[in-house]
């Protein structure tokens, strides 16, 4: 173990602050969603299972290794591997956020495509590495499954293609995104949410 108690305390505070904000947006209904932050090359802090994300306490955050193994007797989120496999694959990823927002869930159900393209928006520049609105990004869409190990492998296989990716949707489920730290992850998440809302509104207008 190379992380310190201060590292863990910082991660706990960061996760709780972010969770409170995301709950205030209505993106984490009931006990849904899960959030994590890297501690070092071997461990991350992650939300425990079954807790309302707008009412988290420090005891609701636990440590797992990058194989998803708990480091205490707490129960981690059932989707822990969707976090830890990202950390294991890319050492630059510092946090992962997953929400069950209305817009991301709806969009994933309104298309049968395996990805949704976002292009021409000024806000695309909020994603790390993009410097112009004359860009496009793809949000891959994966089928929902309770076999989290299988889903995590699907995500890794997509990322192995080398297609620039800042997040993905799970059909009827929600959105995952990540960044170098919590601030960047949150910026990516807010951008995805805004752009999805734009896309849904465009679809609504075109139908009328």
N, C-alpha and C. Protein backbone atom coordinates (compact mmCIF):
# COMPACT_ATOMS: atom_id res chain seq x y z
N UNK A 1 0.85 -1.19 0.00
CA UNK A 1 0.00 0.00 0.00
C UNK A 1 0.88 1.24 0.00
N UNK A 2 0.71 2.11 -0.99
CA UNK A 2 1.56 3.30 -1.07
C UNK A 2 0.80 4.59 -0.80
N UNK A 3 -0.52 4.57 -0.83
CA UNK A 3 -1.26 5.79 -0.56
C UNK A 3 -1.27 6.05 0.94
N UNK A 4 -1.48 7.31 1.31
CA UNK A 4 -1.47 7.69 2.72
C UNK A 4 -2.90 7.92 3.22
N UNK A 5 -3.02 8.07 4.52
CA UNK A 5 -4.32 8.39 5.11
C UNK A 5 -4.83 9.72 4.58
N UNK A 6 -3.90 10.65 4.32
CA UNK A 6 -4.30 11.94 3.76
C UNK A 6 -4.85 11.77 2.35
N UNK A 7 -4.23 10.87 1.56
CA UNK A 7 -4.73 10.59 0.22
C UNK A 7 -6.16 10.07 0.29
N UNK A 8 -6.42 9.15 1.22
CA UNK A 8 -7.74 8.57 1.35
C UNK A 8 -8.74 9.62 1.83
N UNK A 9 -8.34 10.42 2.80
CA UNK A 9 -9.23 11.48 3.29
C UNK A 9 -9.60 12.45 2.17
N UNK A 10 -8.60 12.80 1.35
CA UNK A 10 -8.85 13.71 0.23
C UNK A 10 -9.83 13.08 -0.75
N UNK A 11 -9.65 11.80 -1.06
CA UNK A 11 -10.54 11.11 -1.99
C UNK A 11 -11.96 11.03 -1.44
N UNK A 12 -12.09 10.74 -0.15
CA UNK A 12 -13.41 10.65 0.48
C UNK A 12 -14.13 12.01 0.39
N UNK A 13 -13.43 13.07 0.74
CA UNK A 13 -14.04 14.41 0.67
C UNK A 13 -14.43 14.74 -0.78
N UNK A 14 -13.56 14.41 -1.71
CA UNK A 14 -13.81 14.71 -3.12
C UNK A 14 -15.03 13.96 -3.64
N UNK A 15 -15.13 12.68 -3.30
CA UNK A 15 -16.26 11.86 -3.75
C UNK A 15 -17.56 12.36 -3.16
N UNK A 16 -17.57 12.66 -1.87
CA UNK A 16 -18.79 13.11 -1.21
C UNK A 16 -19.24 14.46 -1.76
N UNK A 17 -18.31 15.38 -1.94
CA UNK A 17 -18.65 16.70 -2.49
C UNK A 17 -19.24 16.55 -3.89
N UNK A 18 -18.62 15.73 -4.71
CA UNK A 18 -19.12 15.52 -6.07
C UNK A 18 -20.48 14.83 -6.06
N UNK A 19 -20.64 13.85 -5.19
CA UNK A 19 -21.91 13.13 -5.10
C UNK A 19 -23.04 14.07 -4.70
N UNK A 20 -22.78 14.96 -3.76
CA UNK A 20 -23.80 15.92 -3.35
C UNK A 20 -24.22 16.81 -4.51
N UNK A 21 -23.23 17.25 -5.29
CA UNK A 21 -23.52 18.10 -6.43
C UNK A 21 -24.35 17.34 -7.47
N UNK A 22 -23.95 16.12 -7.79
CA UNK A 22 -24.66 15.35 -8.81
C UNK A 22 -26.07 14.99 -8.36
N UNK A 23 -26.23 14.74 -7.06
CA UNK A 23 -27.58 14.49 -6.54
C UNK A 23 -28.44 15.74 -6.67
N UNK A 24 -27.85 16.92 -6.46
CA UNK A 24 -28.61 18.17 -6.59
C UNK A 24 -29.08 18.39 -8.02
N UNK A 25 -28.39 17.78 -8.99
CA UNK A 25 -28.78 17.88 -10.40
C UNK A 25 -29.87 16.86 -10.76
N UNK A 26 -30.17 15.95 -9.85
CA UNK A 26 -31.17 14.92 -10.12
C UNK A 26 -30.64 13.77 -10.97
N UNK A 27 -29.33 13.58 -10.97
CA UNK A 27 -28.72 12.57 -11.83
C UNK A 27 -28.44 11.26 -11.09
N UNK A 28 -28.77 11.19 -9.79
CA UNK A 28 -28.45 9.98 -9.02
C UNK A 28 -29.67 9.51 -8.22
N UNK A 29 -30.78 9.17 -8.89
CA UNK A 29 -32.01 8.83 -8.16
C UNK A 29 -31.86 7.57 -7.30
N UNK A 30 -32.62 7.55 -6.21
CA UNK A 30 -32.65 6.41 -5.28
C UNK A 30 -31.22 6.10 -4.83
N UNK A 31 -30.81 4.84 -4.91
CA UNK A 31 -29.45 4.48 -4.50
C UNK A 31 -28.56 4.21 -5.71
N UNK A 32 -28.95 4.74 -6.87
CA UNK A 32 -28.19 4.49 -8.09
C UNK A 32 -26.88 5.25 -8.11
N UNK A 33 -26.05 4.96 -9.11
CA UNK A 33 -24.81 5.66 -9.41
C UNK A 33 -23.67 5.17 -8.53
N UNK A 34 -22.46 5.39 -9.00
CA UNK A 34 -21.27 5.08 -8.22
C UNK A 34 -20.11 5.95 -8.69
N UNK A 35 -19.24 6.28 -7.74
CA UNK A 35 -18.16 7.22 -7.99
C UNK A 35 -16.87 6.69 -7.37
N UNK A 36 -15.75 6.98 -8.02
CA UNK A 36 -14.48 6.51 -7.46
C UNK A 36 -13.37 7.50 -7.76
N UNK A 37 -12.27 7.36 -7.02
CA UNK A 37 -11.08 8.17 -7.24
C UNK A 37 -9.84 7.32 -6.99
N UNK A 38 -8.89 7.42 -7.90
CA UNK A 38 -7.65 6.66 -7.77
C UNK A 38 -6.88 7.11 -6.53
N UNK A 39 -6.29 6.13 -5.84
CA UNK A 39 -5.42 6.44 -4.71
C UNK A 39 -3.95 6.30 -5.11
N UNK A 40 -3.63 5.25 -5.87
CA UNK A 40 -2.28 5.04 -6.39
C UNK A 40 -2.37 4.04 -7.53
N UNK A 41 -1.26 3.38 -7.84
CA UNK A 41 -1.26 2.45 -8.97
C UNK A 41 -1.96 1.14 -8.66
N UNK A 42 -2.37 0.93 -7.42
CA UNK A 42 -2.93 -0.36 -7.02
C UNK A 42 -4.31 -0.29 -6.38
N UNK A 43 -4.74 0.91 -5.96
CA UNK A 43 -5.98 1.03 -5.21
C UNK A 43 -6.78 2.26 -5.62
N UNK A 44 -8.09 2.16 -5.39
CA UNK A 44 -8.95 3.34 -5.55
C UNK A 44 -9.98 3.36 -4.43
N UNK A 45 -10.50 4.55 -4.17
CA UNK A 45 -11.61 4.71 -3.23
C UNK A 45 -12.90 4.72 -4.05
N UNK A 46 -13.94 4.05 -3.56
CA UNK A 46 -15.18 3.93 -4.31
C UNK A 46 -16.36 3.89 -3.35
N UNK A 47 -17.52 4.31 -3.83
CA UNK A 47 -18.73 4.28 -3.02
C UNK A 47 -19.16 2.84 -2.73
N UNK A 48 -19.67 2.63 -1.54
CA UNK A 48 -20.19 1.31 -1.17
C UNK A 48 -21.53 1.07 -1.86
N UNK A 49 -22.01 -0.13 -1.79
CA UNK A 49 -23.26 -0.51 -2.44
C UNK A 49 -24.47 -0.04 -1.64
N UNK A 50 -25.51 0.37 -2.37
CA UNK A 50 -26.82 0.56 -1.77
C UNK A 50 -27.02 1.82 -0.95
N UNK A 51 -26.21 2.85 -1.15
CA UNK A 51 -26.36 4.08 -0.39
C UNK A 51 -26.85 5.21 -1.28
N UNK A 52 -27.72 6.05 -0.74
CA UNK A 52 -28.17 7.23 -1.46
C UNK A 52 -26.99 8.18 -1.62
N UNK A 53 -26.71 8.59 -2.86
CA UNK A 53 -25.49 9.35 -3.11
C UNK A 53 -25.58 10.80 -2.66
N UNK A 54 -26.75 11.26 -2.32
CA UNK A 54 -26.88 12.60 -1.78
C UNK A 54 -26.74 12.65 -0.27
N UNK A 55 -26.57 11.49 0.36
CA UNK A 55 -26.47 11.44 1.82
C UNK A 55 -25.27 10.59 2.26
N UNK A 56 -24.19 10.64 1.50
CA UNK A 56 -23.02 9.84 1.82
C UNK A 56 -22.30 10.39 3.05
N UNK A 57 -21.72 9.48 3.82
CA UNK A 57 -20.82 9.82 4.92
C UNK A 57 -19.46 9.20 4.61
N UNK A 58 -18.42 9.59 5.34
CA UNK A 58 -17.10 8.97 5.09
C UNK A 58 -17.13 7.45 5.18
N UNK A 59 -18.00 6.90 6.00
CA UNK A 59 -18.07 5.45 6.14
C UNK A 59 -18.67 4.77 4.90
N UNK A 60 -19.24 5.57 4.00
CA UNK A 60 -19.84 5.02 2.78
C UNK A 60 -18.86 4.97 1.61
N UNK A 61 -17.60 5.28 1.89
CA UNK A 61 -16.53 5.18 0.89
C UNK A 61 -15.56 4.11 1.36
N UNK A 62 -15.14 3.25 0.45
CA UNK A 62 -14.25 2.15 0.81
C UNK A 62 -13.10 2.06 -0.19
N UNK A 63 -12.14 1.19 0.10
CA UNK A 63 -10.99 0.99 -0.77
C UNK A 63 -11.05 -0.39 -1.39
N UNK A 64 -10.79 -0.45 -2.70
CA UNK A 64 -10.66 -1.73 -3.41
C UNK A 64 -9.36 -1.69 -4.20
N UNK A 65 -8.82 -2.89 -4.50
CA UNK A 65 -7.66 -2.91 -5.40
C UNK A 65 -8.15 -2.88 -6.83
N UNK A 66 -7.23 -2.84 -7.79
CA UNK A 66 -7.65 -2.66 -9.18
C UNK A 66 -8.17 -3.94 -9.82
N UNK A 67 -8.28 -4.99 -9.03
CA UNK A 67 -9.02 -6.18 -9.45
C UNK A 67 -10.42 -6.19 -8.85
N UNK A 68 -10.73 -5.12 -8.10
CA UNK A 68 -12.06 -4.97 -7.50
C UNK A 68 -12.20 -5.63 -6.15
N UNK A 69 -11.10 -6.10 -5.56
CA UNK A 69 -11.16 -6.80 -4.27
C UNK A 69 -11.24 -5.80 -3.12
N UNK A 70 -12.26 -5.91 -2.25
CA UNK A 70 -12.38 -5.01 -1.11
C UNK A 70 -11.20 -5.15 -0.15
N UNK A 71 -10.81 -4.03 0.44
CA UNK A 71 -9.73 -4.04 1.41
C UNK A 71 -10.24 -3.99 2.84
N UNK A 72 -11.55 -4.12 3.01
CA UNK A 72 -12.16 -4.23 4.33
C UNK A 72 -13.43 -5.05 4.18
N UNK A 73 -14.29 -5.03 5.18
CA UNK A 73 -15.49 -5.87 5.14
C UNK A 73 -16.71 -5.15 4.56
N UNK A 74 -16.51 -3.99 3.95
CA UNK A 74 -17.61 -3.29 3.31
C UNK A 74 -17.92 -3.90 1.95
N UNK A 75 -19.12 -3.63 1.46
CA UNK A 75 -19.54 -4.16 0.16
C UNK A 75 -19.46 -3.05 -0.89
N UNK A 76 -18.61 -3.23 -1.91
CA UNK A 76 -18.49 -2.19 -2.93
C UNK A 76 -19.65 -2.24 -3.91
N UNK A 77 -19.77 -1.21 -4.71
CA UNK A 77 -20.76 -1.21 -5.78
C UNK A 77 -20.64 -2.46 -6.63
N UNK A 78 -21.79 -2.94 -7.11
CA UNK A 78 -21.78 -4.12 -7.97
C UNK A 78 -21.04 -3.85 -9.27
N UNK A 79 -20.87 -2.58 -9.62
CA UNK A 79 -20.24 -2.21 -10.88
C UNK A 79 -18.79 -1.78 -10.69
N UNK A 80 -18.18 -2.23 -9.61
CA UNK A 80 -16.81 -1.82 -9.29
C UNK A 80 -15.83 -2.09 -10.43
N UNK A 81 -15.97 -3.22 -11.10
CA UNK A 81 -15.03 -3.56 -12.18
C UNK A 81 -15.08 -2.55 -13.33
N UNK A 82 -16.20 -1.86 -13.51
CA UNK A 82 -16.27 -0.84 -14.55
C UNK A 82 -15.41 0.37 -14.21
N UNK A 83 -15.06 0.50 -12.94
CA UNK A 83 -14.13 1.54 -12.51
C UNK A 83 -12.69 1.01 -12.55
N UNK A 84 -12.47 -0.11 -11.88
CA UNK A 84 -11.09 -0.57 -11.67
C UNK A 84 -10.40 -0.97 -12.98
N UNK A 85 -11.15 -1.51 -13.93
CA UNK A 85 -10.51 -1.88 -15.19
C UNK A 85 -10.03 -0.65 -15.95
N UNK A 86 -10.73 0.47 -15.80
CA UNK A 86 -10.27 1.71 -16.42
C UNK A 86 -8.97 2.20 -15.79
N UNK A 87 -8.91 2.14 -14.46
CA UNK A 87 -7.68 2.55 -13.77
C UNK A 87 -6.51 1.66 -14.16
N UNK A 88 -6.78 0.35 -14.26
CA UNK A 88 -5.72 -0.59 -14.59
C UNK A 88 -5.23 -0.39 -16.02
N UNK A 89 -6.14 -0.01 -16.91
CA UNK A 89 -5.77 0.17 -18.32
C UNK A 89 -5.01 1.45 -18.57
N UNK A 90 -5.41 2.52 -17.88
CA UNK A 90 -4.86 3.85 -18.19
C UNK A 90 -4.44 4.53 -16.90
N UNK A 91 -3.14 4.65 -16.69
CA UNK A 91 -2.63 5.23 -15.44
C UNK A 91 -2.93 6.72 -15.32
N UNK A 92 -3.36 7.35 -16.41
CA UNK A 92 -3.69 8.78 -16.37
C UNK A 92 -5.11 9.04 -15.87
N UNK A 93 -5.93 8.00 -15.79
CA UNK A 93 -7.29 8.18 -15.28
C UNK A 93 -7.24 8.31 -13.76
N UNK A 94 -7.78 9.42 -13.25
CA UNK A 94 -7.74 9.68 -11.82
C UNK A 94 -9.06 9.54 -11.11
N UNK A 95 -10.17 9.55 -11.86
CA UNK A 95 -11.48 9.35 -11.25
C UNK A 95 -12.48 8.88 -12.30
N UNK A 96 -13.52 8.22 -11.84
CA UNK A 96 -14.57 7.69 -12.72
C UNK A 96 -15.91 8.03 -12.08
N UNK A 97 -16.84 8.52 -12.91
CA UNK A 97 -18.17 8.88 -12.44
C UNK A 97 -19.24 8.15 -13.24
N UNK A 98 -20.23 7.62 -12.56
CA UNK A 98 -21.35 6.94 -13.22
C UNK A 98 -22.65 7.46 -12.63
N UNK A 99 -23.53 7.97 -13.51
CA UNK A 99 -24.83 8.46 -13.06
C UNK A 99 -25.95 7.82 -13.86
N UNK A 100 -27.17 7.93 -13.33
CA UNK A 100 -28.37 7.40 -13.95
C UNK A 100 -29.29 8.56 -14.34
N UNK A 101 -28.77 9.52 -15.04
CA UNK A 101 -29.57 10.70 -15.37
C UNK A 101 -30.69 10.34 -16.35
N UNK A 102 -31.72 11.14 -16.32
CA UNK A 102 -32.87 10.94 -17.22
C UNK A 102 -32.44 11.03 -18.68
N UNK A 103 -31.69 12.07 -19.02
CA UNK A 103 -31.35 12.30 -20.43
C UNK A 103 -30.47 11.19 -21.00
N UNK A 104 -29.45 10.78 -20.26
CA UNK A 104 -28.57 9.73 -20.78
C UNK A 104 -29.32 8.41 -20.92
N UNK A 105 -30.22 8.15 -20.00
CA UNK A 105 -31.00 6.92 -20.07
C UNK A 105 -31.95 6.95 -21.27
N UNK A 106 -32.62 8.07 -21.46
CA UNK A 106 -33.56 8.19 -22.58
C UNK A 106 -32.86 8.08 -23.92
N UNK A 107 -31.76 8.80 -24.08
CA UNK A 107 -31.07 8.77 -25.38
C UNK A 107 -30.63 7.36 -25.74
N UNK A 108 -30.16 6.62 -24.76
CA UNK A 108 -29.69 5.26 -25.04
C UNK A 108 -30.82 4.34 -25.49
N UNK A 109 -32.05 4.69 -25.13
CA UNK A 109 -33.21 3.87 -25.50
C UNK A 109 -33.87 4.33 -26.81
N UNK A 110 -33.49 5.53 -27.26
CA UNK A 110 -34.12 6.09 -28.46
C UNK A 110 -33.36 5.77 -29.73
N UNK A 111 -32.27 5.04 -29.61
CA UNK A 111 -31.51 4.64 -30.79
C UNK A 111 -31.12 3.17 -30.68
N UNK A 112 -31.07 2.52 -31.82
CA UNK A 112 -30.58 1.15 -31.85
C UNK A 112 -29.12 1.10 -32.25
N UNK A 113 -28.54 2.27 -32.53
CA UNK A 113 -27.13 2.32 -32.93
C UNK A 113 -26.22 1.95 -31.77
N UNK A 114 -25.02 1.53 -32.09
CA UNK A 114 -24.05 1.14 -31.07
C UNK A 114 -23.24 2.33 -30.57
N UNK A 115 -23.50 3.53 -31.11
CA UNK A 115 -22.81 4.74 -30.66
C UNK A 115 -23.64 5.95 -31.06
N UNK A 116 -23.41 7.07 -30.38
CA UNK A 116 -24.08 8.32 -30.71
C UNK A 116 -23.01 9.36 -30.98
N UNK A 117 -23.08 10.00 -32.15
CA UNK A 117 -22.09 10.99 -32.54
C UNK A 117 -22.53 12.39 -32.13
N UNK A 118 -21.62 13.13 -31.54
CA UNK A 118 -21.83 14.53 -31.18
C UNK A 118 -20.84 15.36 -31.99
N UNK A 119 -21.35 16.34 -32.74
CA UNK A 119 -20.44 17.12 -33.57
C UNK A 119 -20.94 18.55 -33.74
N UNK A 120 -19.98 19.46 -33.94
CA UNK A 120 -20.29 20.84 -34.25
C UNK A 120 -20.59 21.73 -33.05
N UNK A 121 -20.56 21.18 -31.86
CA UNK A 121 -20.87 21.96 -30.66
C UNK A 121 -19.62 22.66 -30.12
N UNK A 122 -19.78 23.90 -29.72
CA UNK A 122 -18.67 24.61 -29.08
C UNK A 122 -18.22 23.91 -27.81
N UNK A 123 -19.17 23.30 -27.10
CA UNK A 123 -18.84 22.68 -25.82
C UNK A 123 -17.97 21.43 -25.97
N UNK A 124 -17.78 20.95 -27.18
CA UNK A 124 -16.88 19.82 -27.36
C UNK A 124 -15.47 20.16 -26.86
N UNK A 125 -15.15 21.45 -26.83
CA UNK A 125 -13.84 21.86 -26.36
C UNK A 125 -13.65 21.63 -24.86
N UNK A 126 -14.72 21.25 -24.17
CA UNK A 126 -14.60 20.93 -22.75
C UNK A 126 -13.94 19.58 -22.53
N UNK A 127 -13.88 18.76 -23.58
CA UNK A 127 -13.27 17.44 -23.45
C UNK A 127 -11.76 17.55 -23.64
N UNK A 128 -11.04 16.89 -22.76
CA UNK A 128 -9.58 16.94 -22.80
C UNK A 128 -9.05 16.56 -24.18
N UNK A 129 -8.24 17.46 -24.76
CA UNK A 129 -7.62 17.16 -26.04
C UNK A 129 -8.32 17.75 -27.24
N UNK A 130 -9.54 18.30 -27.06
CA UNK A 130 -10.27 18.90 -28.18
C UNK A 130 -10.14 20.42 -28.10
N UNK A 131 -9.76 21.05 -29.21
CA UNK A 131 -9.50 22.49 -29.20
C UNK A 131 -10.38 23.28 -30.16
N UNK A 132 -11.29 22.62 -30.87
CA UNK A 132 -12.15 23.33 -31.81
C UNK A 132 -13.53 22.69 -31.86
N UNK A 133 -14.52 23.55 -32.17
CA UNK A 133 -15.88 23.03 -32.33
C UNK A 133 -16.00 22.19 -33.60
N UNK A 134 -15.03 22.32 -34.50
CA UNK A 134 -15.05 21.53 -35.74
C UNK A 134 -14.51 20.13 -35.46
N UNK A 135 -15.15 19.48 -34.52
CA UNK A 135 -14.75 18.16 -34.06
C UNK A 135 -15.99 17.31 -33.88
N UNK A 136 -15.78 16.03 -33.71
CA UNK A 136 -16.88 15.13 -33.38
C UNK A 136 -16.36 14.07 -32.42
N UNK A 137 -17.24 13.61 -31.57
CA UNK A 137 -16.89 12.51 -30.68
C UNK A 137 -18.00 11.47 -30.74
N UNK A 138 -17.65 10.26 -30.41
CA UNK A 138 -18.64 9.18 -30.34
C UNK A 138 -18.79 8.71 -28.91
N UNK A 139 -20.04 8.57 -28.49
CA UNK A 139 -20.35 7.92 -27.22
C UNK A 139 -20.78 6.50 -27.54
N UNK A 140 -19.94 5.50 -27.28
CA UNK A 140 -20.39 4.12 -27.52
C UNK A 140 -21.55 3.78 -26.60
N UNK A 141 -22.42 2.91 -27.07
CA UNK A 141 -23.58 2.48 -26.29
C UNK A 141 -23.51 0.96 -26.15
N UNK A 142 -23.43 0.49 -24.92
CA UNK A 142 -23.34 -0.95 -24.65
C UNK A 142 -24.67 -1.46 -24.10
N UNK A 143 -24.99 -2.69 -24.44
CA UNK A 143 -26.21 -3.31 -23.91
C UNK A 143 -26.07 -3.49 -22.40
N UNK A 144 -27.17 -3.28 -21.69
CA UNK A 144 -27.17 -3.48 -20.25
C UNK A 144 -27.07 -4.97 -19.93
N UNK A 145 -26.35 -5.29 -18.88
CA UNK A 145 -26.21 -6.67 -18.44
C UNK A 145 -25.84 -6.68 -16.98
N UNK A 146 -26.20 -7.75 -16.28
CA UNK A 146 -25.78 -7.93 -14.90
C UNK A 146 -24.42 -8.61 -14.81
N UNK A 147 -23.88 -9.03 -15.97
CA UNK A 147 -22.56 -9.64 -16.02
C UNK A 147 -21.53 -8.51 -16.17
N UNK A 148 -21.13 -7.94 -15.05
CA UNK A 148 -20.29 -6.74 -15.07
C UNK A 148 -18.90 -7.06 -15.62
N UNK A 149 -18.38 -8.23 -15.34
CA UNK A 149 -17.07 -8.60 -15.88
C UNK A 149 -17.10 -8.62 -17.40
N UNK A 150 -18.19 -9.14 -17.97
CA UNK A 150 -18.34 -9.17 -19.42
C UNK A 150 -18.43 -7.75 -19.98
N UNK A 151 -19.21 -6.90 -19.32
CA UNK A 151 -19.36 -5.52 -19.78
C UNK A 151 -18.03 -4.78 -19.69
N UNK A 152 -17.30 -4.98 -18.60
CA UNK A 152 -16.00 -4.33 -18.46
C UNK A 152 -15.07 -4.75 -19.58
N UNK A 153 -15.13 -6.02 -19.97
CA UNK A 153 -14.29 -6.50 -21.07
C UNK A 153 -14.70 -5.87 -22.39
N UNK A 154 -16.00 -5.70 -22.59
CA UNK A 154 -16.48 -5.03 -23.81
C UNK A 154 -15.96 -3.60 -23.89
N UNK A 155 -15.98 -2.91 -22.77
CA UNK A 155 -15.48 -1.53 -22.74
C UNK A 155 -13.99 -1.51 -23.08
N UNK A 156 -13.22 -2.41 -22.49
CA UNK A 156 -11.79 -2.46 -22.77
C UNK A 156 -11.52 -2.76 -24.24
N UNK A 157 -12.30 -3.66 -24.83
CA UNK A 157 -12.12 -3.99 -26.24
C UNK A 157 -12.41 -2.79 -27.12
N UNK A 158 -13.40 -1.99 -26.74
CA UNK A 158 -13.68 -0.77 -27.50
C UNK A 158 -12.52 0.21 -27.37
N UNK A 159 -12.03 0.41 -26.16
CA UNK A 159 -10.94 1.35 -25.94
C UNK A 159 -9.67 0.91 -26.65
N UNK A 160 -9.49 -0.40 -26.80
CA UNK A 160 -8.32 -0.93 -27.49
C UNK A 160 -8.30 -0.57 -28.97
N UNK A 161 -9.44 -0.16 -29.51
CA UNK A 161 -9.49 0.23 -30.92
C UNK A 161 -8.78 1.57 -31.16
N UNK A 162 -8.52 2.30 -30.07
CA UNK A 162 -7.82 3.57 -30.20
C UNK A 162 -8.71 4.74 -30.59
N UNK A 163 -10.02 4.54 -30.59
CA UNK A 163 -10.95 5.64 -30.87
C UNK A 163 -10.99 6.57 -29.66
N UNK A 164 -10.75 7.87 -29.84
CA UNK A 164 -10.81 8.78 -28.69
C UNK A 164 -12.14 8.64 -27.95
N UNK A 165 -12.08 8.49 -26.66
CA UNK A 165 -13.30 8.22 -25.89
C UNK A 165 -13.19 8.87 -24.52
N UNK A 166 -14.26 9.56 -24.15
CA UNK A 166 -14.32 10.23 -22.85
C UNK A 166 -15.45 9.69 -21.98
N UNK A 167 -16.23 8.76 -22.51
CA UNK A 167 -17.33 8.20 -21.76
C UNK A 167 -18.16 7.27 -22.62
N UNK A 168 -19.10 6.59 -22.00
CA UNK A 168 -19.98 5.70 -22.75
C UNK A 168 -21.33 5.59 -22.05
N UNK A 169 -22.32 5.13 -22.81
CA UNK A 169 -23.66 4.90 -22.29
C UNK A 169 -23.91 3.42 -22.15
N UNK A 170 -24.73 3.06 -21.17
CA UNK A 170 -25.26 1.70 -21.05
C UNK A 170 -26.75 1.81 -21.29
N UNK A 171 -27.25 1.03 -22.22
CA UNK A 171 -28.63 1.19 -22.66
C UNK A 171 -29.63 1.01 -21.51
N UNK A 172 -30.47 2.04 -21.36
CA UNK A 172 -31.48 2.00 -20.30
C UNK A 172 -30.91 2.12 -18.90
N UNK A 173 -29.68 2.58 -18.81
CA UNK A 173 -28.98 2.51 -17.52
C UNK A 173 -28.37 3.85 -17.13
N UNK A 174 -27.51 4.41 -17.97
CA UNK A 174 -26.89 5.67 -17.61
C UNK A 174 -25.57 5.88 -18.33
N UNK A 175 -24.72 6.73 -17.75
CA UNK A 175 -23.49 7.14 -18.41
C UNK A 175 -22.29 6.93 -17.49
N UNK A 176 -21.17 6.54 -18.09
CA UNK A 176 -19.88 6.49 -17.41
C UNK A 176 -18.95 7.49 -18.07
N UNK A 177 -18.18 8.20 -17.27
CA UNK A 177 -17.14 9.08 -17.81
C UNK A 177 -16.00 9.13 -16.83
N UNK A 178 -14.87 9.69 -17.27
CA UNK A 178 -13.66 9.69 -16.45
C UNK A 178 -12.79 10.88 -16.84
N UNK A 179 -11.71 11.07 -16.06
CA UNK A 179 -10.78 12.15 -16.34
C UNK A 179 -9.52 11.98 -15.52
N UNK A 180 -8.60 12.93 -15.69
CA UNK A 180 -7.32 12.85 -14.97
C UNK A 180 -7.50 13.09 -13.48
N UNK A 181 -8.55 13.80 -13.11
CA UNK A 181 -8.87 14.02 -11.71
C UNK A 181 -10.37 14.24 -11.61
N UNK A 182 -10.85 14.47 -10.41
CA UNK A 182 -12.29 14.61 -10.22
C UNK A 182 -12.83 15.82 -10.96
N UNK A 183 -12.09 16.91 -10.96
CA UNK A 183 -12.53 18.12 -11.65
C UNK A 183 -12.74 17.86 -13.14
N UNK A 184 -11.79 17.18 -13.77
CA UNK A 184 -11.93 16.91 -15.19
C UNK A 184 -13.06 15.92 -15.46
N UNK A 185 -13.19 14.90 -14.61
CA UNK A 185 -14.28 13.95 -14.78
C UNK A 185 -15.63 14.64 -14.71
N UNK A 186 -15.77 15.55 -13.76
CA UNK A 186 -17.03 16.28 -13.60
C UNK A 186 -17.28 17.18 -14.79
N UNK A 187 -16.24 17.81 -15.31
CA UNK A 187 -16.39 18.65 -16.51
C UNK A 187 -16.85 17.81 -17.70
N UNK A 188 -16.28 16.64 -17.85
CA UNK A 188 -16.70 15.75 -18.94
C UNK A 188 -18.16 15.32 -18.76
N UNK A 189 -18.52 15.00 -17.52
CA UNK A 189 -19.89 14.54 -17.26
C UNK A 189 -20.90 15.64 -17.53
N UNK A 190 -20.64 16.83 -17.04
CA UNK A 190 -21.56 17.94 -17.28
C UNK A 190 -21.68 18.24 -18.77
N UNK A 191 -20.58 18.13 -19.48
CA UNK A 191 -20.61 18.39 -20.92
C UNK A 191 -21.43 17.34 -21.65
N UNK A 192 -21.23 16.08 -21.30
CA UNK A 192 -22.01 15.00 -21.91
C UNK A 192 -23.50 15.21 -21.65
N UNK A 193 -23.83 15.55 -20.41
CA UNK A 193 -25.24 15.75 -20.06
C UNK A 193 -25.86 16.90 -20.87
N UNK A 194 -25.14 18.00 -20.98
CA UNK A 194 -25.66 19.15 -21.72
C UNK A 194 -25.84 18.79 -23.20
N UNK A 195 -24.85 18.13 -23.79
CA UNK A 195 -24.92 17.81 -25.21
C UNK A 195 -26.01 16.79 -25.50
N UNK A 196 -26.20 15.83 -24.60
CA UNK A 196 -27.30 14.88 -24.77
C UNK A 196 -28.64 15.61 -24.69
N UNK A 197 -28.76 16.55 -23.77
CA UNK A 197 -30.00 17.32 -23.68
C UNK A 197 -30.24 18.09 -24.96
N UNK A 198 -29.20 18.65 -25.56
CA UNK A 198 -29.33 19.34 -26.85
C UNK A 198 -29.84 18.38 -27.91
N UNK A 199 -29.26 17.19 -27.96
CA UNK A 199 -29.65 16.21 -28.97
C UNK A 199 -31.11 15.79 -28.81
N UNK A 200 -31.53 15.59 -27.59
CA UNK A 200 -32.93 15.21 -27.34
C UNK A 200 -33.88 16.33 -27.74
N UNK A 201 -33.49 17.57 -27.47
CA UNK A 201 -34.34 18.70 -27.82
C UNK A 201 -34.42 18.86 -29.33
N UNK A 202 -33.32 18.67 -30.02
CA UNK A 202 -33.33 18.72 -31.49
C UNK A 202 -34.26 17.65 -32.05
N UNK A 203 -34.20 16.45 -31.49
CA UNK A 203 -35.08 15.37 -31.93
C UNK A 203 -36.54 15.73 -31.71
N UNK A 204 -36.84 16.35 -30.55
CA UNK A 204 -38.21 16.73 -30.23
C UNK A 204 -38.71 17.79 -31.23
N UNK A 205 -37.87 18.80 -31.50
CA UNK A 205 -38.26 19.87 -32.40
C UNK A 205 -38.52 19.32 -33.81
N UNK A 206 -37.68 18.42 -34.25
CA UNK A 206 -37.82 17.87 -35.60
C UNK A 206 -39.10 17.04 -35.74
N UNK A 207 -39.54 16.46 -34.64
CA UNK A 207 -40.76 15.64 -34.70
C UNK A 207 -42.00 16.50 -34.76
N UNK A 208 -41.94 17.73 -34.26
CA UNK A 208 -43.10 18.61 -34.19
C UNK A 208 -43.28 19.44 -35.45
